[in-house]
Amino acid sequence: MARRVARSVLGLCAAAALGGCLTDQAREGEARGTILPENYKAEIIAFMRTYLNDPANVRDAFITEPVIKQVGTRSQYAVCVRYNAKNSDGRYAGSRDSLAVFERGRFDRMIDQFPKGSVHPCVGVDYTHFPELEALKR
């Protein structure tokens, strides 16, 4: 009987310890997305230099300040970027809105396609001119 009680107590202690770890992991996961990205413009420019077919001819570039947005199941800092770049045929493809997502204060990924029927996360945001993107060179 004493052994059963001891096992039950040990089992409860182990469960409590694991529960605390899971809570800490969840908090850490949320914290990864909530560190303000300080060099967000420079990081976006570095990414766009490799991402675009013709980074030297971007027009009509605009950007927002970093704000916390719901990205998937997490809240993360994100920046909306609007630009008009040339496609692989050398023609301007038209204005495009993308979402730059940050993890631990650093650029993580660019999302430019969203599920049909969902509201684009950059609708109704206040853009400011982004001349640094327009000034990109190869």
Protein backbone atom coordinates (compact mmCIF):
# COMPACT_ATOMS: atom_id res chain seq x y z
CA MET A 1 0.00 0.00 0.00
CA ALA A 2 2.80 2.41 0.91
CA ARG A 3 4.49 1.66 -2.41
CA ARG A 4 1.31 2.53 -4.33
CA VAL A 5 1.04 5.82 -2.51
CA ALA A 6 4.72 6.55 -3.16
CA ARG A 7 4.31 5.73 -6.88
CA SER A 8 1.22 7.91 -7.11
CA VAL A 9 3.03 10.80 -5.45
CA LEU A 10 6.03 10.35 -7.76
CA GLY A 11 3.73 10.19 -10.78
CA LEU A 12 1.95 13.38 -9.75
CA CYS A 13 5.30 15.15 -9.19
CA ALA A 14 6.54 14.06 -12.60
CA ALA A 15 3.31 15.20 -14.26
CA ALA A 16 3.51 18.57 -12.53
CA ALA A 17 7.14 19.00 -13.60
CA LEU A 18 6.33 18.13 -17.22
CA GLY A 19 3.34 20.43 -17.17
CA GLY A 20 5.60 23.27 -16.07
CA CYS A 21 8.00 22.51 -18.94
CA LEU A 22 5.20 22.57 -21.48
CA THR A 23 3.98 25.89 -20.13
CA ASP A 24 7.53 27.28 -20.33
CA GLN A 25 7.88 26.00 -23.91
CA ALA A 26 4.60 27.63 -24.91
CA ARG A 27 5.69 30.91 -23.33
CA GLU A 28 9.06 30.71 -25.08
CA GLY A 29 7.32 30.02 -28.40
CA GLU A 30 5.20 33.14 -27.96
CA ALA A 31 8.23 35.18 -26.86
CA ARG A 32 10.13 34.27 -30.04
CA GLY A 33 7.69 36.28 -32.10
CA THR A 34 7.36 39.20 -29.72
CA ILE A 35 10.89 40.63 -29.83
CA LEU A 36 10.79 43.93 -31.69
CA PRO A 37 12.85 43.72 -34.91
CA GLU A 38 15.18 46.72 -34.81
CA ASN A 39 16.86 46.33 -38.23
CA TYR A 40 13.75 45.22 -40.08
CA LYS A 41 14.30 47.41 -43.16
CA ALA A 42 17.90 46.25 -43.70
CA GLU A 43 16.89 42.61 -43.23
CA ILE A 44 14.01 42.92 -45.69
CA ILE A 45 16.30 44.58 -48.25
CA ALA A 46 18.89 41.81 -47.86
CA PHE A 47 16.19 39.20 -48.46
CA MET A 48 14.65 41.03 -51.42
CA ARG A 49 18.05 41.32 -53.11
CA THR A 50 18.11 37.50 -53.43
CA TYR A 51 14.34 36.95 -53.78
CA LEU A 52 13.53 39.23 -56.71
CA ASN A 53 14.28 38.36 -60.33
CA ASP A 54 15.42 41.93 -60.99
CA PRO A 55 16.14 43.70 -57.68
CA ALA A 56 17.58 46.76 -59.46
CA ASN A 57 14.25 47.88 -60.93
CA VAL A 58 11.70 47.95 -58.12
CA ARG A 59 9.02 50.64 -58.29
CA ASP A 60 6.34 51.92 -55.95
CA ALA A 61 7.85 50.44 -52.78
CA PHE A 62 6.07 50.96 -49.46
CA ILE A 63 6.45 49.52 -45.97
CA THR A 64 4.74 49.55 -42.57
CA GLU A 65 6.15 49.70 -39.06
CA PRO A 66 6.50 46.33 -37.29
CA VAL A 67 3.32 45.29 -35.48
CA ILE A 68 2.26 42.08 -33.80
CA LYS A 69 -0.04 40.10 -36.08
CA GLN A 70 -1.55 36.66 -35.88
CA VAL A 71 0.57 34.46 -38.17
CA GLY A 72 -0.79 30.94 -38.22
CA THR A 73 -1.32 29.98 -34.58
CA ARG A 74 1.15 32.50 -33.12
CA SER A 75 1.37 36.21 -32.57
CA GLN A 76 4.53 37.56 -34.20
CA TYR A 77 6.02 40.83 -35.31
CA ALA A 78 5.31 41.37 -38.98
CA VAL A 79 5.82 44.11 -41.56
CA CYS A 80 3.74 44.67 -44.68
CA VAL A 81 5.74 45.39 -47.83
CA ARG A 82 4.19 46.64 -51.09
CA TYR A 83 6.25 46.79 -54.28
CA ASN A 84 6.15 46.45 -58.04
CA ALA A 85 9.03 44.38 -59.44
CA LYS A 86 9.83 42.88 -62.80
CA ASN A 87 8.98 39.23 -63.39
CA SER A 88 11.16 36.67 -65.17
CA ASP A 89 9.97 38.04 -68.55
CA GLY A 90 11.35 41.48 -67.67
CA ARG A 91 7.89 43.08 -67.35
CA TYR A 92 6.50 44.79 -64.27
CA ALA A 93 4.18 42.31 -62.61
CA GLY A 94 1.99 44.86 -60.81
CA SER A 95 1.84 45.91 -57.20
CA ARG A 96 2.16 43.08 -54.70
CA ASP A 97 1.57 43.03 -50.93
CA SER A 98 3.71 40.66 -48.89
CA LEU A 99 4.10 40.00 -45.18
CA ALA A 100 7.60 39.84 -43.68
CA VAL A 101 7.54 37.76 -40.49
CA PHE A 102 10.11 38.06 -37.72
CA GLU A 103 11.32 35.46 -35.21
CA ARG A 104 13.34 36.52 -32.16
CA GLY A 105 13.68 39.99 -33.64
CA ARG A 106 15.19 38.71 -36.92
CA PHE A 107 13.70 38.26 -40.39
CA ASP A 108 12.28 34.75 -40.69
CA ARG A 109 10.24 34.54 -43.88
CA MET A 110 8.19 36.41 -46.46
CA ILE A 111 4.60 35.35 -47.05
CA ASP A 112 3.06 36.49 -50.30
CA GLN A 113 0.26 34.00 -50.79
CA PHE A 114 -2.68 33.63 -48.43
CA PRO A 115 -5.54 31.12 -48.39
CA LYS A 116 -8.52 31.96 -50.57
CA GLY A 117 -11.32 33.50 -48.58
CA SER A 118 -9.02 34.78 -45.84
CA VAL A 119 -8.55 38.46 -45.14
CA HIS A 120 -5.11 39.63 -46.28
CA PRO A 121 -3.20 40.79 -43.17
CA CYS A 122 -2.05 43.96 -44.96
CA VAL A 123 -5.52 45.30 -45.82
CA GLY A 124 -6.10 48.77 -44.42
CA VAL A 125 -2.60 49.33 -43.01
CA ASP A 126 -0.72 52.63 -43.19
CA TYR A 127 2.18 52.35 -45.60
CA THR A 128 5.07 54.79 -45.90
CA HIS A 129 7.38 55.17 -48.89
CA PHE A 130 10.30 52.67 -48.90
CA PRO A 131 12.96 54.32 -51.11
CA GLU A 132 15.67 51.94 -49.90
CA LEU A 133 13.96 49.07 -51.73
CA GLU A 134 13.64 51.15 -54.90
CA ALA A 135 17.37 51.95 -54.72
CA LEU A 136 18.49 48.30 -54.69
CA LYS A 137 21.32 47.29 -56.98
CA ARG A 138 22.22 43.80 -58.07
